[in-house]
């Protein structure tokens, strides 16, 4: 198990409850929403939200094919990916995620 010190609170996503926050994050990061994609992904992967001081600041999905992961602060990637990797290790499963090389925090 990999642990990275963080002040993030990690909870299971409840899409009906969290979809507005997920859409807000997508809008901020990629300039559009992907609600249909989120509704499809959640059918085959475990979803998580990442919260700081009562505000949802990211989300991610973990499963046989993990991702996407999105965080408003790139410095949260180490903790988010460590959580996902540890979860898959507990399941005795491989973990991998794709990321553009420009995302240096995730690549590290």
PDB file of N, CA and C in Angstrom:
ATOM      1  N   UNK A   1       0.851  -1.187   0.000  1.00  0.00           N
ATOM      2  CA  UNK A   1       0.000   0.000   0.000  1.00  0.00           C
ATOM      3  C   UNK A   1       0.890   1.241   0.000  1.00  0.00           C
ATOM      4  N   UNK A   2       0.545   2.169  -0.859  1.00  0.00           N
ATOM      5  CA  UNK A   2       1.280   3.422  -0.974  1.00  0.00           C
ATOM      6  C   UNK A   2       0.473   4.513  -0.285  1.00  0.00           C
ATOM      7  N   UNK A   3       1.119   5.254   0.582  1.00  0.00           N
ATOM      8  CA  UNK A   3       0.441   6.375   1.242  1.00  0.00           C
ATOM      9  C   UNK A   3       1.172   7.669   0.934  1.00  0.00           C
ATOM     10  N   UNK A   4       0.432   8.668   0.579  1.00  0.00           N
ATOM     11  CA  UNK A   4       0.960   9.998   0.333  1.00  0.00           C
ATOM     12  C   UNK A   4       0.208  10.936   1.250  1.00  0.00           C
ATOM     13  N   UNK A   5       0.948  11.714   2.017  1.00  0.00           N
ATOM     14  CA  UNK A   5       0.310  12.644   2.944  1.00  0.00           C
ATOM     15  C   UNK A   5      -0.524  13.654   2.164  1.00  0.00           C
ATOM     16  N   UNK A   6      -1.772  13.806   2.602  1.00  0.00           N
ATOM     17  CA  UNK A   6      -2.685  14.721   1.913  1.00  0.00           C
ATOM     18  C   UNK A   6      -3.764  15.205   2.874  1.00  0.00           C
ATOM     19  N   UNK A   7      -4.321  16.339   2.561  1.00  0.00           N
ATOM     20  CA  UNK A   7      -5.466  16.829   3.322  1.00  0.00           C
ATOM     21  C   UNK A   7      -6.770  16.546   2.572  1.00  0.00           C
ATOM     22  N   UNK A   8      -6.686  15.791   1.478  1.00  0.00           N
ATOM     23  CA  UNK A   8      -7.888  15.430   0.726  1.00  0.00           C
ATOM     24  C   UNK A   8      -8.718  14.415   1.497  1.00  0.00           C
ATOM     25  N   UNK A   9     -10.002  14.561   1.399  1.00  0.00           N
ATOM     26  CA  UNK A   9     -10.937  13.552   1.884  1.00  0.00           C
ATOM     27  C   UNK A   9     -11.412  12.795   0.656  1.00  0.00           C
ATOM     28  N   UNK A  10     -11.291  11.478   0.693  1.00  0.00           N
ATOM     29  CA  UNK A  10     -11.650  10.653  -0.451  1.00  0.00           C
ATOM     30  C   UNK A  10     -12.907   9.871  -0.121  1.00  0.00           C
ATOM     31  N   UNK A  11     -13.906  10.006  -0.974  1.00  0.00           N
ATOM     32  CA  UNK A  11     -15.183   9.326  -0.763  1.00  0.00           C
ATOM     33  C   UNK A  11     -15.648   8.695  -2.065  1.00  0.00           C
ATOM     34  N   UNK A  12     -16.484   7.680  -1.949  1.00  0.00           N
ATOM     35  CA  UNK A  12     -17.099   7.086  -3.133  1.00  0.00           C
ATOM     36  C   UNK A  12     -18.012   8.110  -3.788  1.00  0.00           C
ATOM     37  N   UNK A  13     -17.961   8.135  -5.091  1.00  0.00           N
ATOM     38  CA  UNK A  13     -18.808   9.070  -5.829  1.00  0.00           C
ATOM     39  C   UNK A  13     -20.248   8.567  -5.836  1.00  0.00           C
ATOM     40  N   UNK A  14     -21.154   9.473  -5.652  1.00  0.00           N
ATOM     41  CA  UNK A  14     -22.587   9.223  -5.835  1.00  0.00           C
ATOM     42  C   UNK A  14     -22.971  10.167  -6.974  1.00  0.00           C
ATOM     43  N   UNK A  15     -22.974   9.630  -8.161  1.00  0.00           N
ATOM     44  CA  UNK A  15     -23.067  10.467  -9.345  1.00  0.00           C
ATOM     45  C   UNK A  15     -24.258  11.410  -9.319  1.00  0.00           C
ATOM     46  N   UNK A  16     -25.401  10.926  -8.888  1.00  0.00           N
ATOM     47  CA  UNK A  16     -26.581  11.803  -8.857  1.00  0.00           C
ATOM     48  C   UNK A  16     -26.359  12.986  -7.911  1.00  0.00           C
ATOM     49  N   UNK A  17     -25.636  12.751  -6.840  1.00  0.00           N
ATOM     50  CA  UNK A  17     -25.355  13.798  -5.860  1.00  0.00           C
ATOM     51  C   UNK A  17     -24.191  14.695  -6.297  1.00  0.00           C
ATOM     52  N   UNK A  18     -23.206  14.123  -6.973  1.00  0.00           N
ATOM     53  CA  UNK A  18     -21.968  14.841  -7.268  1.00  0.00           C
ATOM     54  C   UNK A  18     -21.820  15.315  -8.710  1.00  0.00           C
ATOM     55  N   UNK A  19     -22.789  15.033  -9.578  1.00  0.00           N
ATOM     56  CA  UNK A  19     -22.614  15.332 -10.999  1.00  0.00           C
ATOM     57  C   UNK A  19     -22.392  16.818 -11.277  1.00  0.00           C
ATOM     58  N   UNK A  20     -23.011  17.696 -10.526  1.00  0.00           N
ATOM     59  CA  UNK A  20     -22.798  19.130 -10.763  1.00  0.00           C
ATOM     60  C   UNK A  20     -21.351  19.524 -10.475  1.00  0.00           C
ATOM     61  N   UNK A  21     -20.781  18.965  -9.409  1.00  0.00           N
ATOM     62  CA  UNK A  21     -19.382  19.262  -9.084  1.00  0.00           C
ATOM     63  C   UNK A  21     -18.448  18.670 -10.132  1.00  0.00           C
ATOM     64  N   UNK A  22     -18.736  17.460 -10.582  1.00  0.00           N
ATOM     65  CA  UNK A  22     -17.939  16.822 -11.629  1.00  0.00           C
ATOM     66  C   UNK A  22     -18.010  17.648 -12.909  1.00  0.00           C
ATOM     67  N   UNK A  23     -19.194  18.098 -13.270  1.00  0.00           N
ATOM     68  CA  UNK A  23     -19.350  18.948 -14.457  1.00  0.00           C
ATOM     69  C   UNK A  23     -18.581  20.260 -14.295  1.00  0.00           C
ATOM     70  N   UNK A  24     -18.614  20.840 -13.098  1.00  0.00           N
ATOM     71  CA  UNK A  24     -17.887  22.090 -12.845  1.00  0.00           C
ATOM     72  C   UNK A  24     -16.387  21.887 -13.052  1.00  0.00           C
ATOM     73  N   UNK A  25     -15.851  20.785 -12.558  1.00  0.00           N
ATOM     74  CA  UNK A  25     -14.425  20.491 -12.711  1.00  0.00           C
ATOM     75  C   UNK A  25     -14.079  20.296 -14.182  1.00  0.00           C
ATOM     76  N   UNK A  26     -14.889  19.513 -14.898  1.00  0.00           N
ATOM     77  CA  UNK A  26     -14.645  19.312 -16.324  1.00  0.00           C
ATOM     78  C   UNK A  26     -14.690  20.632 -17.083  1.00  0.00           C
ATOM     79  N   UNK A  27     -15.672  21.462 -16.765  1.00  0.00           N
ATOM     80  CA  UNK A  27     -15.804  22.751 -17.450  1.00  0.00           C
ATOM     81  C   UNK A  27     -14.543  23.600 -17.219  1.00  0.00           C
ATOM     82  N   UNK A  28     -14.043  23.580 -15.988  1.00  0.00           N
ATOM     83  CA  UNK A  28     -12.860  24.379 -15.672  1.00  0.00           C
ATOM     84  C   UNK A  28     -11.603  23.836 -16.345  1.00  0.00           C
ATOM     85  N   UNK A  29     -11.471  22.519 -16.404  1.00  0.00           N
ATOM     86  CA  UNK A  29     -10.245  21.920 -16.920  1.00  0.00           C
ATOM     87  C   UNK A  29     -10.237  21.710 -18.431  1.00  0.00           C
ATOM     88  N   UNK A  30     -11.382  21.334 -19.006  1.00  0.00           N
ATOM     89  CA  UNK A  30     -11.397  20.997 -20.441  1.00  0.00           C
ATOM     90  C   UNK A  30     -12.449  21.770 -21.236  1.00  0.00           C
ATOM     91  N   UNK A  31     -13.084  22.724 -20.576  1.00  0.00           N
ATOM     92  CA  UNK A  31     -14.021  23.640 -21.233  1.00  0.00           C
ATOM     93  C   UNK A  31     -15.298  23.004 -21.760  1.00  0.00           C
ATOM     94  N   UNK A  32     -15.634  21.825 -21.301  1.00  0.00           N
ATOM     95  CA  UNK A  32     -16.931  21.222 -21.611  1.00  0.00           C
ATOM     96  C   UNK A  32     -17.226  20.130 -20.588  1.00  0.00           C
ATOM     97  N   UNK A  33     -18.464  19.679 -20.562  1.00  0.00           N
ATOM     98  CA  UNK A  33     -18.841  18.622 -19.630  1.00  0.00           C
ATOM     99  C   UNK A  33     -18.921  17.293 -20.367  1.00  0.00           C
ATOM    100  N   UNK A  34     -18.860  16.202 -19.579  1.00  0.00           N
ATOM    101  CA  UNK A  34     -18.893  14.855 -20.163  1.00  0.00           C
ATOM    102  C   UNK A  34     -19.857  13.975 -19.369  1.00  0.00           C
ATOM    103  N   UNK A  35     -21.035  14.497 -19.088  1.00  0.00           N
ATOM    104  CA  UNK A  35     -21.980  13.800 -18.228  1.00  0.00           C
ATOM    105  C   UNK A  35     -22.310  12.400 -18.734  1.00  0.00           C
ATOM    106  N   UNK A  36     -22.540  12.249 -20.021  1.00  0.00           N
ATOM    107  CA  UNK A  36     -22.859  10.921 -20.568  1.00  0.00           C
ATOM    108  C   UNK A  36     -21.696   9.959 -20.354  1.00  0.00           C
ATOM    109  N   UNK A  37     -20.487  10.436 -20.517  1.00  0.00           N
ATOM    110  CA  UNK A  37     -19.308   9.601 -20.298  1.00  0.00           C
ATOM    111  C   UNK A  37     -19.214   9.155 -18.840  1.00  0.00           C
ATOM    112  N   UNK A  38     -19.443  10.071 -17.916  1.00  0.00           N
ATOM    113  CA  UNK A  38     -19.401   9.725 -16.489  1.00  0.00           C
ATOM    114  C   UNK A  38     -20.457   8.673 -16.159  1.00  0.00           C
ATOM    115  N   UNK A  39     -21.632   8.835 -16.709  1.00  0.00           N
ATOM    116  CA  UNK A  39     -22.706   7.872 -16.439  1.00  0.00           C
ATOM    117  C   UNK A  39     -22.360   6.486 -16.995  1.00  0.00           C
ATOM    118  N   UNK A  40     -21.634   6.436 -18.087  1.00  0.00           N
ATOM    119  CA  UNK A  40     -21.210   5.156 -18.642  1.00  0.00           C
ATOM    120  C   UNK A  40     -20.058   4.552 -17.823  1.00  0.00           C
ATOM    121  N   UNK A  41     -19.063   5.361 -17.502  1.00  0.00           N
ATOM    122  CA  UNK A  41     -17.884   4.865 -16.767  1.00  0.00           C
ATOM    123  C   UNK A  41     -18.277   4.279 -15.420  1.00  0.00           C
ATOM    124  N   UNK A  42     -19.179   4.920 -14.718  1.00  0.00           N
ATOM    125  CA  UNK A  42     -19.537   4.479 -13.368  1.00  0.00           C
ATOM    126  C   UNK A  42     -20.190   3.094 -13.374  1.00  0.00           C
ATOM    127  N   UNK A  43     -20.655   2.636 -14.522  1.00  0.00           N
ATOM    128  CA  UNK A  43     -21.263   1.303 -14.591  1.00  0.00           C
ATOM    129  C   UNK A  43     -20.221   0.192 -14.505  1.00  0.00           C
ATOM    130  N   UNK A  44     -18.949   0.510 -14.761  1.00  0.00           N
ATOM    131  CA  UNK A  44     -17.925  -0.528 -14.740  1.00  0.00           C
ATOM    132  C   UNK A  44     -16.717  -0.236 -13.877  1.00  0.00           C
ATOM    133  N   UNK A  45     -16.706   0.917 -13.228  1.00  0.00           N
ATOM    134  CA  UNK A  45     -15.557   1.295 -12.398  1.00  0.00           C
ATOM    135  C   UNK A  45     -16.055   1.917 -11.102  1.00  0.00           C
ATOM    136  N   UNK A  46     -15.208   1.874 -10.088  1.00  0.00           N
ATOM    137  CA  UNK A  46     -15.509   2.559  -8.828  1.00  0.00           C
ATOM    138  C   UNK A  46     -15.105   4.017  -8.975  1.00  0.00           C
ATOM    139  N   UNK A  47     -16.011   4.911  -8.642  1.00  0.00           N
ATOM    140  CA  UNK A  47     -15.733   6.334  -8.752  1.00  0.00           C
ATOM    141  C   UNK A  47     -15.468   6.944  -7.392  1.00  0.00           C
ATOM    142  N   UNK A  48     -14.625   7.967  -7.378  1.00  0.00           N
ATOM    143  CA  UNK A  48     -14.276   8.659  -6.141  1.00  0.00           C
ATOM    144  C   UNK A  48     -14.283  10.160  -6.376  1.00  0.00           C
ATOM    145  N   UNK A  49     -14.635  10.877  -5.326  1.00  0.00           N
ATOM    146  CA  UNK A  49     -14.475  12.331  -5.336  1.00  0.00           C
ATOM    147  C   UNK A  49     -13.397  12.670  -4.323  1.00  0.00           C
ATOM    148  N   UNK A  50     -12.710  13.763  -4.579  1.00  0.00           N
ATOM    149  CA  UNK A  50     -11.657  14.246  -3.705  1.00  0.00           C
ATOM    150  C   UNK A  50     -12.093  15.612  -3.205  1.00  0.00           C
ATOM    151  N   UNK A  51     -12.147  15.734  -1.903  1.00  0.00           N
ATOM    152  CA  UNK A  51     -12.732  16.927  -1.290  1.00  0.00           C
ATOM    153  C   UNK A  51     -11.714  17.581  -0.367  1.00  0.00           C
ATOM    154  N   UNK A  52     -11.720  18.908  -0.381  1.00  0.00           N
ATOM    155  CA  UNK A  52     -10.862  19.684   0.517  1.00  0.00           C
ATOM    156  C   UNK A  52     -11.701  20.812   1.091  1.00  0.00           C
ATOM    157  N   UNK A  53     -11.723  20.891   2.401  1.00  0.00           N
ATOM    158  CA  UNK A  53     -12.440  21.960   3.105  1.00  0.00           C
ATOM    159  C   UNK A  53     -13.881  22.097   2.626  1.00  0.00           C
ATOM    160  N   UNK A  54     -14.534  20.953   2.423  1.00  0.00           N
ATOM    161  CA  UNK A  54     -15.937  20.949   2.050  1.00  0.00           C
ATOM    162  C   UNK A  54     -16.219  21.173   0.580  1.00  0.00           C
ATOM    163  N   UNK A  55     -15.184  21.329  -0.242  1.00  0.00           N
ATOM    164  CA  UNK A  55     -15.382  21.550  -1.674  1.00  0.00           C
ATOM    165  C   UNK A  55     -14.801  20.376  -2.465  1.00  0.00           C
ATOM    166  N   UNK A  56     -15.548  19.893  -3.426  1.00  0.00           N
ATOM    167  CA  UNK A  56     -15.056  18.824  -4.290  1.00  0.00           C
ATOM    168  C   UNK A  56     -14.054  19.437  -5.258  1.00  0.00           C
ATOM    169  N   UNK A  57     -12.816  18.917  -5.220  1.00  0.00           N
ATOM    170  CA  UNK A  57     -11.729  19.472  -6.022  1.00  0.00           C
ATOM    171  C   UNK A  57     -11.192  18.472  -7.044  1.00  0.00           C
ATOM    172  N   UNK A  58     -11.834  17.315  -7.138  1.00  0.00           N
ATOM    173  CA  UNK A  58     -11.397  16.341  -8.122  1.00  0.00           C
ATOM    174  C   UNK A  58     -12.253  15.099  -8.107  1.00  0.00           C
ATOM    175  N   UNK A  59     -12.010  14.246  -9.082  1.00  0.00           N
ATOM    176  CA  UNK A  59     -12.706  12.965  -9.158  1.00  0.00           C
ATOM    177  C   UNK A  59     -11.816  11.976  -9.894  1.00  0.00           C
ATOM    178  N   UNK A  60     -12.146  10.705  -9.778  1.00  0.00           N
ATOM    179  CA  UNK A  60     -11.417   9.685 -10.507  1.00  0.00           C
ATOM    180  C   UNK A  60     -12.155   8.366 -10.470  1.00  0.00           C
ATOM    181  N   UNK A  61     -11.770   7.484 -11.373  1.00  0.00           N
ATOM    182  CA  UNK A  61     -12.400   6.170 -11.493  1.00  0.00           C
ATOM    183  C   UNK A  61     -11.336   5.084 -11.473  1.00  0.00           C
ATOM    184  N   UNK A  62     -11.629   3.994 -10.762  1.00  0.00           N
ATOM    185  CA  UNK A  62     -10.675   2.909 -10.598  1.00  0.00           C
ATOM    186  C   UNK A  62     -11.346   1.604 -10.974  1.00  0.00           C
ATOM    187  N   UNK A  63     -10.644   0.807 -11.742  1.00  0.00           N
ATOM    188  CA  UNK A  63     -11.160  -0.501 -12.138  1.00  0.00           C
ATOM    189  C   UNK A  63     -10.180  -1.178 -13.062  1.00  0.00           C
ATOM    190  N   UNK A  64     -10.647  -2.146 -13.813  1.00  0.00           N
ATOM    191  CA  UNK A  64      -9.754  -2.858 -14.727  1.00  0.00           C
ATOM    192  C   UNK A  64      -9.123  -1.905 -15.739  1.00  0.00           C
ATOM    193  N   UNK A  65      -9.789  -0.817 -16.006  1.00  0.00           N
ATOM    194  CA  UNK A  65      -9.258   0.279 -16.805  1.00  0.00           C
ATOM    195  C   UNK A  65      -9.528   1.539 -15.992  1.00  0.00           C
ATOM    196  N   UNK A  66      -8.492   2.112 -15.401  1.00  0.00           N
ATOM    197  CA  UNK A  66      -8.690   3.244 -14.487  1.00  0.00           C
ATOM    198  C   UNK A  66      -8.669   4.576 -15.230  1.00  0.00           C
ATOM    199  N   UNK A  67      -9.355   5.551 -14.629  1.00  0.00           N
ATOM    200  CA  UNK A  67      -9.402   6.882 -15.181  1.00  0.00           C
ATOM    201  C   UNK A  67     -10.766   7.156 -15.785  1.00  0.00           C
ATOM    202  N   UNK A  68     -11.017   8.366 -16.140  1.00  0.00           N
ATOM    203  CA  UNK A  68     -10.130   9.505 -16.013  1.00  0.00           C
ATOM    204  C   UNK A  68     -10.027   9.992 -14.563  1.00  0.00           C
ATOM    205  N   UNK A  69      -8.935  10.704 -14.312  1.00  0.00           N
ATOM    206  CA  UNK A  69      -8.719  11.394 -13.046  1.00  0.00           C
ATOM    207  C   UNK A  69      -8.631  12.876 -13.374  1.00  0.00           C
ATOM    208  N   UNK A  70      -9.284  13.699 -12.578  1.00  0.00           N
ATOM    209  CA  UNK A  70      -9.240  15.147 -12.793  1.00  0.00           C
ATOM    210  C   UNK A  70      -9.165  15.831 -11.444  1.00  0.00           C
ATOM    211  N   UNK A  71      -8.184  16.714 -11.288  1.00  0.00           N
ATOM    212  CA  UNK A  71      -8.044  17.482 -10.050  1.00  0.00           C
ATOM    213  C   UNK A  71      -7.757  18.937 -10.413  1.00  0.00           C
ATOM    214  N   UNK A  72      -8.299  19.836  -9.618  1.00  0.00           N
ATOM    215  CA  UNK A  72      -8.101  21.259  -9.881  1.00  0.00           C
ATOM    216  C   UNK A  72      -6.690  21.714  -9.530  1.00  0.00           C
ATOM    217  N   UNK A  73      -6.036  21.014  -8.605  1.00  0.00           N
ATOM    218  CA  UNK A  73      -4.662  21.333  -8.215  1.00  0.00           C
ATOM    219  C   UNK A  73      -3.783  20.146  -8.583  1.00  0.00           C
ATOM    220  N   UNK A  74      -2.886  20.331  -9.526  1.00  0.00           N
ATOM    221  CA  UNK A  74      -2.042  19.231  -9.991  1.00  0.00           C
ATOM    222  C   UNK A  74      -1.224  18.595  -8.873  1.00  0.00           C
ATOM    223  N   UNK A  75      -0.994  19.321  -7.799  1.00  0.00           N
ATOM    224  CA  UNK A  75      -0.239  18.772  -6.669  1.00  0.00           C
ATOM    225  C   UNK A  75      -0.999  17.670  -5.936  1.00  0.00           C
ATOM    226  N   UNK A  76      -2.274  17.499  -6.248  1.00  0.00           N
ATOM    227  CA  UNK A  76      -3.071  16.427  -5.650  1.00  0.00           C
ATOM    228  C   UNK A  76      -2.900  15.096  -6.380  1.00  0.00           C
ATOM    229  N   UNK A  77      -2.296  15.100  -7.570  1.00  0.00           N
ATOM    230  CA  UNK A  77      -2.164  13.859  -8.325  1.00  0.00           C
ATOM    231  C   UNK A  77      -1.419  12.756  -7.571  1.00  0.00           C
ATOM    232  N   UNK A  78      -0.316  13.023  -6.886  1.00  0.00           N
ATOM    233  CA  UNK A  78       0.352  11.926  -6.180  1.00  0.00           C
ATOM    234  C   UNK A  78      -0.563  11.206  -5.176  1.00  0.00           C
ATOM    235  N   UNK A  79      -1.330  11.939  -4.395  1.00  0.00           N
ATOM    236  CA  UNK A  79      -2.224  11.315  -3.414  1.00  0.00           C
ATOM    237  C   UNK A  79      -3.368  10.571  -4.095  1.00  0.00           C
ATOM    238  N   UNK A  80      -3.922  11.158  -5.146  1.00  0.00           N
ATOM    239  CA  UNK A  80      -5.039  10.546  -5.866  1.00  0.00           C
ATOM    240  C   UNK A  80      -4.592   9.241  -6.522  1.00  0.00           C
ATOM    241  N   UNK A  81      -3.453   9.279  -7.204  1.00  0.00           N
ATOM    242  CA  UNK A  81      -2.972   8.077  -7.879  1.00  0.00           C
ATOM    243  C   UNK A  81      -2.490   7.024  -6.889  1.00  0.00           C
ATOM    244  N   UNK A  82      -1.921   7.446  -5.766  1.00  0.00           N
ATOM    245  CA  UNK A  82      -1.525   6.483  -4.730  1.00  0.00           C
ATOM    246  C   UNK A  82      -2.744   5.766  -4.166  1.00  0.00           C
ATOM    247  N   UNK A  83      -3.823   6.503  -3.971  1.00  0.00           N
ATOM    248  CA  UNK A  83      -5.064   5.887  -3.490  1.00  0.00           C
ATOM    249  C   UNK A  83      -5.555   4.849  -4.489  1.00  0.00           C
ATOM    250  N   UNK A  84      -5.582   5.203  -5.769  1.00  0.00           N
ATOM    251  CA  UNK A  84      -6.063   4.289  -6.803  1.00  0.00           C
ATOM    252  C   UNK A  84      -5.160   3.058  -6.907  1.00  0.00           C
ATOM    253  N   UNK A  85      -3.864   3.276  -6.895  1.00  0.00           N
ATOM    254  CA  UNK A  85      -2.918   2.163  -6.984  1.00  0.00           C
ATOM    255  C   UNK A  85      -3.059   1.230  -5.791  1.00  0.00           C
ATOM    256  N   UNK A  86      -3.205   1.795  -4.602  1.00  0.00           N
ATOM    257  CA  UNK A  86      -3.358   0.978  -3.395  1.00  0.00           C
ATOM    258  C   UNK A  86      -4.651   0.174  -3.432  1.00  0.00           C
ATOM    259  N   UNK A  87      -5.712   0.785  -3.916  1.00  0.00           N
ATOM    260  CA  UNK A  87      -6.991   0.082  -4.022  1.00  0.00           C
ATOM    261  C   UNK A  87      -6.870  -1.120  -4.955  1.00  0.00           C
ATOM    262  N   UNK A  88      -6.216  -0.935  -6.084  1.00  0.00           N
ATOM    263  CA  UNK A  88      -6.037  -2.041  -7.016  1.00  0.00           C
ATOM    264  C   UNK A  88      -5.104  -3.104  -6.443  1.00  0.00           C
ATOM    265  N   UNK A  89      -4.097  -2.708  -5.687  1.00  0.00           N
ATOM    266  CA  UNK A  89      -3.195  -3.676  -5.049  1.00  0.00           C
ATOM    267  C   UNK A  89      -3.958  -4.532  -4.041  1.00  0.00           C
ATOM    268  N   UNK A  90      -4.876  -3.924  -3.300  1.00  0.00           N
ATOM    269  CA  UNK A  90      -5.703  -4.680  -2.359  1.00  0.00           C
ATOM    270  C   UNK A  90      -6.536  -5.719  -3.086  1.00  0.00           C
ATOM    271  N   UNK A  91      -6.869  -5.459  -4.326  1.00  0.00           N
ATOM    272  CA  UNK A  91      -7.657  -6.385  -5.133  1.00  0.00           C
ATOM    273  C   UNK A  91      -6.763  -7.371  -5.891  1.00  0.00           C
ATOM    274  N   UNK A  92      -5.458  -7.277  -5.648  1.00  0.00           N
ATOM    275  CA  UNK A  92      -4.468  -8.097  -6.361  1.00  0.00           C
ATOM    276  C   UNK A  92      -4.594  -7.909  -7.870  1.00  0.00           C
ATOM    277  N   UNK A  93      -4.793  -6.667  -8.278  1.00  0.00           N
ATOM    278  CA  UNK A  93      -4.962  -6.340  -9.696  1.00  0.00           C
ATOM    279  C   UNK A  93      -3.923  -5.302 -10.108  1.00  0.00           C
ATOM    280  N   UNK A  94      -3.642  -5.259 -11.372  1.00  0.00           N
ATOM    281  CA  UNK A  94      -2.710  -4.273 -11.909  1.00  0.00           C
ATOM    282  C   UNK A  94      -3.371  -2.898 -11.946  1.00  0.00           C
ATOM    283  N   UNK A  95      -2.531  -1.871 -11.878  1.00  0.00           N
ATOM    284  CA  UNK A  95      -3.019  -0.503 -11.991  1.00  0.00           C
ATOM    285  C   UNK A  95      -2.247   0.203 -13.097  1.00  0.00           C
ATOM    286  N   UNK A  96      -2.955   0.951 -13.876  1.00  0.00           N
ATOM    287  CA  UNK A  96      -2.338   1.788 -14.890  1.00  0.00           C
ATOM    288  C   UNK A  96      -3.310   2.886 -15.274  1.00  0.00           C
ATOM    289  N   UNK A  97      -2.768   3.995 -15.697  1.00  0.00           N
ATOM    290  CA  UNK A  97      -3.596   5.112 -16.153  1.00  0.00           C
ATOM    291  C   UNK A  97      -2.808   5.874 -17.203  1.00  0.00           C
ATOM    292  N   UNK A  98      -3.494   6.386 -18.190  1.00  0.00           N
ATOM    293  CA  UNK A  98      -2.849   7.181 -19.227  1.00  0.00           C
ATOM    294  C   UNK A  98      -2.888   8.647 -18.835  1.00  0.00           C
ATOM    295  N   UNK A  99      -1.830   9.362 -19.183  1.00  0.00           N
ATOM    296  CA  UNK A  99      -1.788  10.796 -18.930  1.00  0.00           C
ATOM    297  C   UNK A  99      -0.879  11.461 -19.952  1.00  0.00           C
ATOM    298  N   UNK A 100      -1.191  12.659 -20.359  1.00  0.00           N
ATOM    299  CA  UNK A 100      -0.276  13.354 -21.270  1.00  0.00           C
ATOM    300  C   UNK A 100       1.019  13.694 -20.532  1.00  0.00           C
ATOM    301  N   UNK A 101       2.128  13.658 -21.222  1.00  0.00           N
ATOM    302  CA  UNK A 101       3.421  13.898 -20.587  1.00  0.00           C
ATOM    303  C   UNK A 101       3.541  15.298 -19.998  1.00  0.00           C
ATOM    304  N   UNK A 102       2.730  16.222 -20.454  1.00  0.00           N
ATOM    305  CA  UNK A 102       2.755  17.565 -19.898  1.00  0.00           C
ATOM    306  C   UNK A 102       2.284  17.582 -18.447  1.00  0.00           C
ATOM    307  N   UNK A 103       1.551  16.555 -18.050  1.00  0.00           N
ATOM    308  CA  UNK A 103       1.064  16.441 -16.670  1.00  0.00           C
ATOM    309  C   UNK A 103       2.192  15.873 -15.805  1.00  0.00           C
ATOM    310  N   UNK A 104       3.156  16.706 -15.500  1.00  0.00           N
ATOM    311  CA  UNK A 104       4.370  16.246 -14.817  1.00  0.00           C
ATOM    312  C   UNK A 104       4.091  15.694 -13.425  1.00  0.00           C
ATOM    313  N   UNK A 105       3.129  16.221 -12.720  1.00  0.00           N
ATOM    314  CA  UNK A 105       2.821  15.715 -11.364  1.00  0.00           C
ATOM    315  C   UNK A 105       2.301  14.288 -11.416  1.00  0.00           C
ATOM    316  N   UNK A 106       1.497  13.962 -12.405  1.00  0.00           N
ATOM    317  CA  UNK A 106       0.990  12.601 -12.543  1.00  0.00           C
ATOM    318  C   UNK A 106       2.095  11.665 -13.029  1.00  0.00           C
ATOM    319  N   UNK A 107       2.931  12.141 -13.920  1.00  0.00           N
ATOM    320  CA  UNK A 107       4.011  11.315 -14.451  1.00  0.00           C
ATOM    321  C   UNK A 107       5.015  10.968 -13.352  1.00  0.00           C
ATOM    322  N   UNK A 108       5.298  11.904 -12.464  1.00  0.00           N
ATOM    323  CA  UNK A 108       6.239  11.654 -11.366  1.00  0.00           C
ATOM    324  C   UNK A 108       5.713  10.533 -10.503  1.00  0.00           C
TER     325      UNK A 108
END
